[in-house]
Every structure is written in structure tokens, then in C-alpha cells.
Amino acid sequence: MSRGKKIWIVCGIVVVLAIVIIAGVLTSRKGGVIVQTSVVQRKDVLSSKVTASGEIRAKQFVDVQPEVPGVITELYVHEGIR
């Protein structure tokens, strides 16, 4: 085969492949998704409150007991003060 025939064959194959690819892309876009767009606007600060009822329980309970029996007569710690 001459060089000119090889070039025409390669060009024909490229054209056929391009047609097949374009046809595939066009047929696959028929079931497209509708997209809705909107203009962005600045709004007031959003706030949300969640209310719930129930109780809080610990995952693990520990029973604290002294090693030596006795009575606490003074406690050198004040609540809420560091």
C-alpha cells in the first residue's frame, strides 16, 4: 500500500470513531438532571434552638468508699473557688 492510502484509511478510522463517540455522548444526555440556580443573598444570622427532655446517665458507675472508716470533720475546699 502506498503512503497516501494509509493516511486516508487512518483519517477514515478517526472520523468514524469521532462520529461514534459524539453519537454516544448525545444519546446519553437525554436523561439529564434539571438543575435550579439562584442568586446568592446575604441573610440575617440564623439561630436555632433544640429542646429535649430526658436524663443524663454515666456510661460507667463507680462506688467510692474510703479504705479506712472514719468521719470527716473539716473540708478545706470551697465550692466554685479555684
PDB file of N, CA and C in Angstrom:
ATOM      1  N   MET A   1       0.833  -1.173   0.000  1.00  0.00           N
ATOM      2  CA  MET A   1       0.000   0.000   0.000  1.00  0.00           C
ATOM      3  C   MET A   1       0.881   1.240   0.000  1.00  0.00           C
ATOM      4  N   SER A   2       0.376   2.220  -0.658  1.00  0.00           N
ATOM      5  CA  SER A   2       1.148   3.455  -0.696  1.00  0.00           C
ATOM      6  C   SER A   2       0.871   4.276   0.562  1.00  0.00           C
ATOM      7  N   ARG A   3       1.723   5.241   0.767  1.00  0.00           N
ATOM      8  CA  ARG A   3       1.632   6.075   1.967  1.00  0.00           C
ATOM      9  C   ARG A   3       0.345   6.905   1.958  1.00  0.00           C
ATOM     10  N   GLY A   4      -0.082   7.350   0.804  1.00  0.00           N
ATOM     11  CA  GLY A   4      -1.313   8.140   0.685  1.00  0.00           C
ATOM     12  C   GLY A   4      -2.547   7.350   1.086  1.00  0.00           C
ATOM     13  N   LYS A   5      -2.607   6.054   0.688  1.00  0.00           N
ATOM     14  CA  LYS A   5      -3.753   5.213   1.057  1.00  0.00           C
ATOM     15  C   LYS A   5      -3.794   4.982   2.570  1.00  0.00           C
ATOM     16  N   LYS A   6      -2.624   4.787   3.194  1.00  0.00           N
ATOM     17  CA  LYS A   6      -2.569   4.577   4.643  1.00  0.00           C
ATOM     18  C   LYS A   6      -3.088   5.801   5.386  1.00  0.00           C
ATOM     19  N   ILE A   7      -2.721   6.985   4.908  1.00  0.00           N
ATOM     20  CA  ILE A   7      -3.175   8.226   5.556  1.00  0.00           C
ATOM     21  C   ILE A   7      -4.690   8.351   5.434  1.00  0.00           C
ATOM     22  N   TRP A   8      -5.257   8.032   4.241  1.00  0.00           N
ATOM     23  CA  TRP A   8      -6.706   8.113   4.062  1.00  0.00           C
ATOM     24  C   TRP A   8      -7.438   7.094   4.935  1.00  0.00           C
ATOM     25  N   ILE A   9      -6.881   5.904   5.095  1.00  0.00           N
ATOM     26  CA  ILE A   9      -7.501   4.874   5.942  1.00  0.00           C
ATOM     27  C   ILE A   9      -7.497   5.329   7.404  1.00  0.00           C
ATOM     28  N   VAL A  10      -6.367   5.847   7.867  1.00  0.00           N
ATOM     29  CA  VAL A  10      -6.264   6.326   9.259  1.00  0.00           C
ATOM     30  C   VAL A  10      -7.239   7.481   9.480  1.00  0.00           C
ATOM     31  N   CYS A  11      -7.318   8.410   8.531  1.00  0.00           N
ATOM     32  CA  CYS A  11      -8.253   9.541   8.658  1.00  0.00           C
ATOM     33  C   CYS A  11      -9.698   9.045   8.696  1.00  0.00           C
ATOM     34  N   GLY A  12     -10.026   8.056   7.867  1.00  0.00           N
ATOM     35  CA  GLY A  12     -11.385   7.492   7.861  1.00  0.00           C
ATOM     36  C   GLY A  12     -11.726   6.842   9.189  1.00  0.00           C
ATOM     37  N   ILE A  13     -10.769   6.110   9.749  1.00  0.00           N
ATOM     38  CA  ILE A  13     -10.995   5.464  11.046  1.00  0.00           C
ATOM     39  C   ILE A  13     -11.204   6.520  12.136  1.00  0.00           C
ATOM     40  N   VAL A  14     -10.411   7.571  12.112  1.00  0.00           N
ATOM     41  CA  VAL A  14     -10.547   8.648  13.102  1.00  0.00           C
ATOM     42  C   VAL A  14     -11.916   9.315  12.980  1.00  0.00           C
ATOM     43  N   VAL A  15     -12.372   9.569  11.754  1.00  0.00           N
ATOM     44  CA  VAL A  15     -13.680  10.195  11.543  1.00  0.00           C
ATOM     45  C   VAL A  15     -14.803   9.285  12.034  1.00  0.00           C
ATOM     46  N   VAL A  16     -14.718   7.993  11.735  1.00  0.00           N
ATOM     47  CA  VAL A  16     -15.748   7.050  12.189  1.00  0.00           C
ATOM     48  C   VAL A  16     -15.772   6.981  13.706  1.00  0.00           C
ATOM     49  N   LEU A  17     -14.611   6.926  14.354  1.00  0.00           N
ATOM     50  CA  LEU A  17     -14.553   6.907  15.820  1.00  0.00           C
ATOM     51  C   LEU A  17     -15.125   8.191  16.416  1.00  0.00           C
ATOM     52  N   ALA A  18     -14.836   9.323  15.804  1.00  0.00           N
ATOM     53  CA  ALA A  18     -15.367  10.593  16.293  1.00  0.00           C
ATOM     54  C   ALA A  18     -16.885  10.617  16.192  1.00  0.00           C
ATOM     55  N   ILE A  19     -17.436  10.108  15.094  1.00  0.00           N
ATOM     56  CA  ILE A  19     -18.890  10.069  14.923  1.00  0.00           C
ATOM     57  C   ILE A  19     -19.533   9.154  15.974  1.00  0.00           C
ATOM     58  N   VAL A  20     -18.916   8.008  16.226  1.00  0.00           N
ATOM     59  CA  VAL A  20     -19.443   7.065  17.224  1.00  0.00           C
ATOM     60  C   VAL A  20     -19.408   7.696  18.620  1.00  0.00           C
ATOM     61  N   ILE A  21     -18.334   8.362  18.964  1.00  0.00           N
ATOM     62  CA  ILE A  21     -18.208   8.981  20.291  1.00  0.00           C
ATOM     63  C   ILE A  21     -19.222  10.110  20.446  1.00  0.00           C
ATOM     64  N   ILE A  22     -19.361  10.959  19.443  1.00  0.00           N
ATOM     65  CA  ILE A  22     -20.315  12.070  19.519  1.00  0.00           C
ATOM     66  C   ILE A  22     -21.747  11.538  19.614  1.00  0.00           C
ATOM     67  N   ALA A  23     -22.083  10.510  18.850  1.00  0.00           N
ATOM     68  CA  ALA A  23     -23.428   9.923  18.918  1.00  0.00           C
ATOM     69  C   ALA A  23     -23.691   9.330  20.299  1.00  0.00           C
ATOM     70  N   GLY A  24     -22.702   8.689  20.885  1.00  0.00           N
ATOM     71  CA  GLY A  24     -22.862   8.116  22.226  1.00  0.00           C
ATOM     72  C   GLY A  24     -23.081   9.181  23.281  1.00  0.00           C
ATOM     73  N   VAL A  25     -22.342  10.268  23.181  1.00  0.00           N
ATOM     74  CA  VAL A  25     -22.484  11.347  24.154  1.00  0.00           C
ATOM     75  C   VAL A  25     -23.847  12.013  24.013  1.00  0.00           C
ATOM     76  N   LEU A  26     -24.291  12.269  22.794  1.00  0.00           N
ATOM     77  CA  LEU A  26     -25.575  12.926  22.580  1.00  0.00           C
ATOM     78  C   LEU A  26     -26.749  12.065  23.029  1.00  0.00           C
ATOM     79  N   THR A  27     -26.687  10.755  22.839  1.00  0.00           N
ATOM     80  CA  THR A  27     -27.793   9.889  23.268  1.00  0.00           C
ATOM     81  C   THR A  27     -27.795   9.690  24.779  1.00  0.00           C
ATOM     82  N   SER A  28     -26.658   9.768  25.429  1.00  0.00           N
ATOM     83  CA  SER A  28     -26.624   9.570  26.881  1.00  0.00           C
ATOM     84  C   SER A  28     -27.091  10.806  27.635  1.00  0.00           C
ATOM     85  N   ARG A  29     -27.145  11.958  27.016  1.00  0.00           N
ATOM     86  CA  ARG A  29     -27.556  13.191  27.686  1.00  0.00           C
ATOM     87  C   ARG A  29     -29.062  13.401  27.681  1.00  0.00           C
ATOM     88  N   LYS A  30     -29.829  12.524  27.096  1.00  0.00           N
ATOM     89  CA  LYS A  30     -31.277  12.706  27.035  1.00  0.00           C
ATOM     90  C   LYS A  30     -31.914  12.612  28.409  1.00  0.00           C
ATOM     91  N   GLY A  31     -31.429  11.789  29.301  1.00  0.00           N
ATOM     92  CA  GLY A  31     -31.980  11.634  30.646  1.00  0.00           C
ATOM     93  C   GLY A  31     -31.250  12.508  31.647  1.00  0.00           C
ATOM     94  N   GLY A  32     -30.997  13.753  31.308  1.00  0.00           N
ATOM     95  CA  GLY A  32     -30.214  14.638  32.167  1.00  0.00           C
ATOM     96  C   GLY A  32     -30.977  15.085  33.402  1.00  0.00           C
ATOM     97  N   VAL A  33     -30.279  15.689  34.321  1.00  0.00           N
ATOM     98  CA  VAL A  33     -30.829  16.183  35.574  1.00  0.00           C
ATOM     99  C   VAL A  33     -31.124  17.667  35.432  1.00  0.00           C
ATOM    100  N   ILE A  34     -32.287  18.085  35.912  1.00  0.00           N
ATOM    101  CA  ILE A  34     -32.640  19.502  35.873  1.00  0.00           C
ATOM    102  C   ILE A  34     -31.986  20.183  37.067  1.00  0.00           C
ATOM    103  N   VAL A  35     -31.274  21.261  36.810  1.00  0.00           N
ATOM    104  CA  VAL A  35     -30.563  21.986  37.862  1.00  0.00           C
ATOM    105  C   VAL A  35     -31.202  23.347  38.025  1.00  0.00           C
ATOM    106  N   GLN A  36     -31.493  23.722  39.273  1.00  0.00           N
ATOM    107  CA  GLN A  36     -32.092  25.020  39.557  1.00  0.00           C
ATOM    108  C   GLN A  36     -31.033  25.898  40.209  1.00  0.00           C
ATOM    109  N   THR A  37     -30.861  27.111  39.707  1.00  0.00           N
ATOM    110  CA  THR A  37     -29.872  28.026  40.257  1.00  0.00           C
ATOM    111  C   THR A  37     -30.570  29.223  40.877  1.00  0.00           C
ATOM    112  N   SER A  38     -29.846  29.930  41.731  1.00  0.00           N
ATOM    113  CA  SER A  38     -30.399  31.097  42.415  1.00  0.00           C
ATOM    114  C   SER A  38     -29.273  32.073  42.691  1.00  0.00           C
ATOM    115  N   VAL A  39     -29.646  33.333  42.882  1.00  0.00           N
ATOM    116  CA  VAL A  39     -28.672  34.371  43.198  1.00  0.00           C
ATOM    117  C   VAL A  39     -28.405  34.338  44.700  1.00  0.00           C
ATOM    118  N   VAL A  40     -27.152  34.453  45.087  1.00  0.00           N
ATOM    119  CA  VAL A  40     -26.770  34.424  46.487  1.00  0.00           C
ATOM    120  C   VAL A  40     -27.094  35.766  47.124  1.00  0.00           C
ATOM    121  N   GLN A  41     -27.746  35.719  48.290  1.00  0.00           N
ATOM    122  CA  GLN A  41     -28.094  36.936  49.015  1.00  0.00           C
ATOM    123  C   GLN A  41     -27.670  36.774  50.466  1.00  0.00           C
ATOM    124  N   ARG A  42     -27.305  37.876  51.086  1.00  0.00           N
ATOM    125  CA  ARG A  42     -26.922  37.853  52.494  1.00  0.00           C
ATOM    126  C   ARG A  42     -28.187  37.933  53.350  1.00  0.00           C
ATOM    127  N   LYS A  43     -28.310  37.045  54.318  1.00  0.00           N
ATOM    128  CA  LYS A  43     -29.478  36.988  55.191  1.00  0.00           C
ATOM    129  C   LYS A  43     -29.066  37.322  56.620  1.00  0.00           C
ATOM    130  N   ASP A  44     -30.066  37.490  57.497  1.00  0.00           N
ATOM    131  CA  ASP A  44     -29.794  37.709  58.917  1.00  0.00           C
ATOM    132  C   ASP A  44     -29.145  36.459  59.501  1.00  0.00           C
ATOM    133  N   VAL A  45     -28.578  36.619  60.675  1.00  0.00           N
ATOM    134  CA  VAL A  45     -27.916  35.496  61.345  1.00  0.00           C
ATOM    135  C   VAL A  45     -28.961  34.434  61.679  1.00  0.00           C
ATOM    136  N   LEU A  46     -28.662  33.209  61.314  1.00  0.00           N
ATOM    137  CA  LEU A  46     -29.571  32.106  61.600  1.00  0.00           C
ATOM    138  C   LEU A  46     -29.328  31.599  63.012  1.00  0.00           C
ATOM    139  N   SER A  47     -30.393  31.313  63.716  1.00  0.00           N
ATOM    140  CA  SER A  47     -30.242  30.736  65.047  1.00  0.00           C
ATOM    141  C   SER A  47     -31.276  29.639  65.200  1.00  0.00           C
ATOM    142  N   SER A  48     -30.892  28.615  65.882  1.00  0.00           N
ATOM    143  CA  SER A  48     -31.823  27.513  66.115  1.00  0.00           C
ATOM    144  C   SER A  48     -31.637  27.027  67.540  1.00  0.00           C
ATOM    145  N   LYS A  49     -32.733  26.616  68.123  1.00  0.00           N
ATOM    146  CA  LYS A  49     -32.707  26.101  69.486  1.00  0.00           C
ATOM    147  C   LYS A  49     -33.265  24.695  69.475  1.00  0.00           C
ATOM    148  N   VAL A  50     -32.638  23.850  70.259  1.00  0.00           N
ATOM    149  CA  VAL A  50     -33.087  22.471  70.374  1.00  0.00           C
ATOM    150  C   VAL A  50     -33.462  22.229  71.821  1.00  0.00           C
ATOM    151  N   THR A  51     -34.661  21.743  72.021  1.00  0.00           N
ATOM    152  CA  THR A  51     -35.077  21.397  73.374  1.00  0.00           C
ATOM    153  C   THR A  51     -35.359  19.902  73.401  1.00  0.00           C
ATOM    154  N   ALA A  52     -34.993  19.288  74.500  1.00  0.00           N
ATOM    155  CA  ALA A  52     -35.216  17.854  74.643  1.00  0.00           C
ATOM    156  C   ALA A  52     -35.427  17.537  76.117  1.00  0.00           C
ATOM    157  N   SER A  53     -36.166  16.514  76.372  1.00  0.00           N
ATOM    158  CA  SER A  53     -36.364  16.094  77.748  1.00  0.00           C
ATOM    159  C   SER A  53     -35.697  14.729  77.932  1.00  0.00           C
ATOM    160  N   GLY A  54     -35.294  14.463  79.140  1.00  0.00           N
ATOM    161  CA  GLY A  54     -34.644  13.188  79.419  1.00  0.00           C
ATOM    162  C   GLY A  54     -33.705  13.327  80.585  1.00  0.00           C
ATOM    163  N   GLU A  55     -32.828  12.386  80.732  1.00  0.00           N
ATOM    164  CA  GLU A  55     -31.859  12.425  81.819  1.00  0.00           C
ATOM    165  C   GLU A  55     -30.493  12.017  81.298  1.00  0.00           C
ATOM    166  N   ILE A  56     -29.478  12.490  81.977  1.00  0.00           N
ATOM    167  CA  ILE A  56     -28.103  12.174  81.606  1.00  0.00           C
ATOM    168  C   ILE A  56     -27.624  11.042  82.503  1.00  0.00           C
ATOM    169  N   ARG A  57     -27.077  10.031  81.883  1.00  0.00           N
ATOM    170  CA  ARG A  57     -26.552   8.898  82.645  1.00  0.00           C
ATOM    171  C   ARG A  57     -25.103   8.682  82.265  1.00  0.00           C
ATOM    172  N   ALA A  58     -24.313   8.285  83.250  1.00  0.00           N
ATOM    173  CA  ALA A  58     -22.907   7.980  83.009  1.00  0.00           C
ATOM    174  C   ALA A  58     -22.796   6.616  82.327  1.00  0.00           C
ATOM    175  N   LYS A  59     -21.761   6.454  81.518  1.00  0.00           N
ATOM    176  CA  LYS A  59     -21.522   5.166  80.878  1.00  0.00           C
ATOM    177  C   LYS A  59     -21.017   4.135  81.890  1.00  0.00           C
ATOM    178  N   GLN A  60     -20.316   4.639  82.901  1.00  0.00           N
ATOM    179  CA  GLN A  60     -19.713   3.735  83.880  1.00  0.00           C
ATOM    180  C   GLN A  60     -19.939   4.329  85.272  1.00  0.00           C
ATOM    181  N   PHE A  61     -20.437   3.517  86.194  1.00  0.00           N
ATOM    182  CA  PHE A  61     -20.675   3.947  87.563  1.00  0.00           C
ATOM    183  C   PHE A  61     -19.555   3.428  88.458  1.00  0.00           C
ATOM    184  N   VAL A  62     -19.135   4.261  89.417  1.00  0.00           N
ATOM    185  CA  VAL A  62     -18.079   3.872  90.350  1.00  0.00           C
ATOM    186  C   VAL A  62     -18.582   4.152  91.762  1.00  0.00           C
ATOM    187  N   ASP A  63     -18.452   3.166  92.613  1.00  0.00           N
ATOM    188  CA  ASP A  63     -18.840   3.328  94.014  1.00  0.00           C
ATOM    189  C   ASP A  63     -17.591   3.711  94.801  1.00  0.00           C
ATOM    190  N   VAL A  64     -17.584   4.926  95.363  1.00  0.00           N
ATOM    191  CA  VAL A  64     -16.408   5.431  96.068  1.00  0.00           C
ATOM    192  C   VAL A  64     -16.589   5.171  97.567  1.00  0.00           C
ATOM    193  N   GLN A  65     -15.645   4.450  98.158  1.00  0.00           N
ATOM    194  CA  GLN A  65     -15.679   4.155  99.588  1.00  0.00           C
ATOM    195  C   GLN A  65     -14.281   4.353 100.161  1.00  0.00           C
ATOM    196  N   PRO A  66     -14.185   4.831 101.373  1.00  0.00           N
ATOM    197  CA  PRO A  66     -12.858   5.013 101.973  1.00  0.00           C
ATOM    198  C   PRO A  66     -12.239   3.675 102.368  1.00  0.00           C
ATOM    199  N   GLU A  67     -10.897   3.666 102.393  1.00  0.00           N
ATOM    200  CA  GLU A  67     -10.205   2.451 102.820  1.00  0.00           C
ATOM    201  C   GLU A  67     -10.240   2.307 104.339  1.00  0.00           C
ATOM    202  N   VAL A  68     -10.285   3.438 105.016  1.00  0.00           N
ATOM    203  CA  VAL A  68     -10.305   3.430 106.477  1.00  0.00           C
ATOM    204  C   VAL A  68     -11.617   4.072 106.934  1.00  0.00           C
ATOM    205  N   PRO A  69     -12.363   3.422 107.803  1.00  0.00           N
ATOM    206  CA  PRO A  69     -13.608   4.040 108.266  1.00  0.00           C
ATOM    207  C   PRO A  69     -13.306   5.262 109.136  1.00  0.00           C
ATOM    208  N   GLY A  70     -14.156   6.284 109.032  1.00  0.00           N
ATOM    209  CA  GLY A  70     -13.949   7.486 109.819  1.00  0.00           C
ATOM    210  C   GLY A  70     -15.001   8.518 109.493  1.00  0.00           C
ATOM    211  N   VAL A  71     -14.880   9.675 110.152  1.00  0.00           N
ATOM    212  CA  VAL A  71     -15.819  10.774 109.960  1.00  0.00           C
ATOM    213  C   VAL A  71     -15.024  11.988 109.504  1.00  0.00           C
ATOM    214  N   ILE A  72     -15.531  12.693 108.489  1.00  0.00           N
ATOM    215  CA  ILE A  72     -14.874  13.917 108.018  1.00  0.00           C
ATOM    216  C   ILE A  72     -15.328  15.048 108.932  1.00  0.00           C
ATOM    217  N   THR A  73     -14.359  15.700 109.565  1.00  0.00           N
ATOM    218  CA  THR A  73     -14.698  16.792 110.483  1.00  0.00           C
ATOM    219  C   THR A  73     -14.525  18.155 109.834  1.00  0.00           C
ATOM    220  N   GLU A  74     -13.576  18.302 108.918  1.00  0.00           N
ATOM    221  CA  GLU A  74     -13.375  19.566 108.206  1.00  0.00           C
ATOM    222  C   GLU A  74     -13.042  19.268 106.753  1.00  0.00           C
ATOM    223  N   LEU A  75     -13.482  20.193 105.890  1.00  0.00           N
ATOM    224  CA  LEU A  75     -13.201  20.068 104.466  1.00  0.00           C
ATOM    225  C   LEU A  75     -12.556  21.363 104.024  1.00  0.00           C
ATOM    226  N   TYR A  76     -11.319  21.330 103.571  1.00  0.00           N
ATOM    227  CA  TYR A  76     -10.545  22.536 103.256  1.00  0.00           C
ATOM    228  C   TYR A  76     -10.745  23.012 101.811  1.00  0.00           C
ATOM    229  N   VAL A  77     -11.845  22.663 101.208  1.00  0.00           N
ATOM    230  CA  VAL A  77     -12.149  23.085  99.846  1.00  0.00           C
ATOM    231  C   VAL A  77     -13.486  23.799  99.840  1.00  0.00           C
ATOM    232  N   HIS A  78     -13.548  24.907  99.138  1.00  0.00           N
ATOM    233  CA  HIS A  78     -14.802  25.651  98.994  1.00  0.00           C
ATOM    234  C   HIS A  78     -15.342  25.428  97.582  1.00  0.00           C
ATOM    235  N   GLU A  79     -16.620  25.258  97.460  1.00  0.00           N
ATOM    236  CA  GLU A  79     -17.215  25.012  96.142  1.00  0.00           C
ATOM    237  C   GLU A  79     -17.111  26.229  95.249  1.00  0.00           C
ATOM    238  N   GLY A  80     -16.786  25.999  93.988  1.00  0.00           N
ATOM    239  CA  GLY A  80     -16.771  27.057  92.997  1.00  0.00           C
ATOM    240  C   GLY A  80     -15.555  27.973  93.025  1.00  0.00           C
ATOM    241  N   ILE A  81     -14.669  27.839  93.963  1.00  0.00           N
ATOM    242  CA  ILE A  81     -13.478  28.679  94.069  1.00  0.00           C
ATOM    243  C   ILE A  81     -12.277  27.849  93.665  1.00  0.00           C
ATOM    244  N   ARG A  82     -11.438  28.436  92.851  1.00  0.00           N
ATOM    245  CA  ARG A  82     -10.244  27.703  92.416  1.00  0.00           C
ATOM    246  C   ARG A  82      -9.118  27.891  93.378  1.00  0.00           C
TER     247      ARG A  82
END
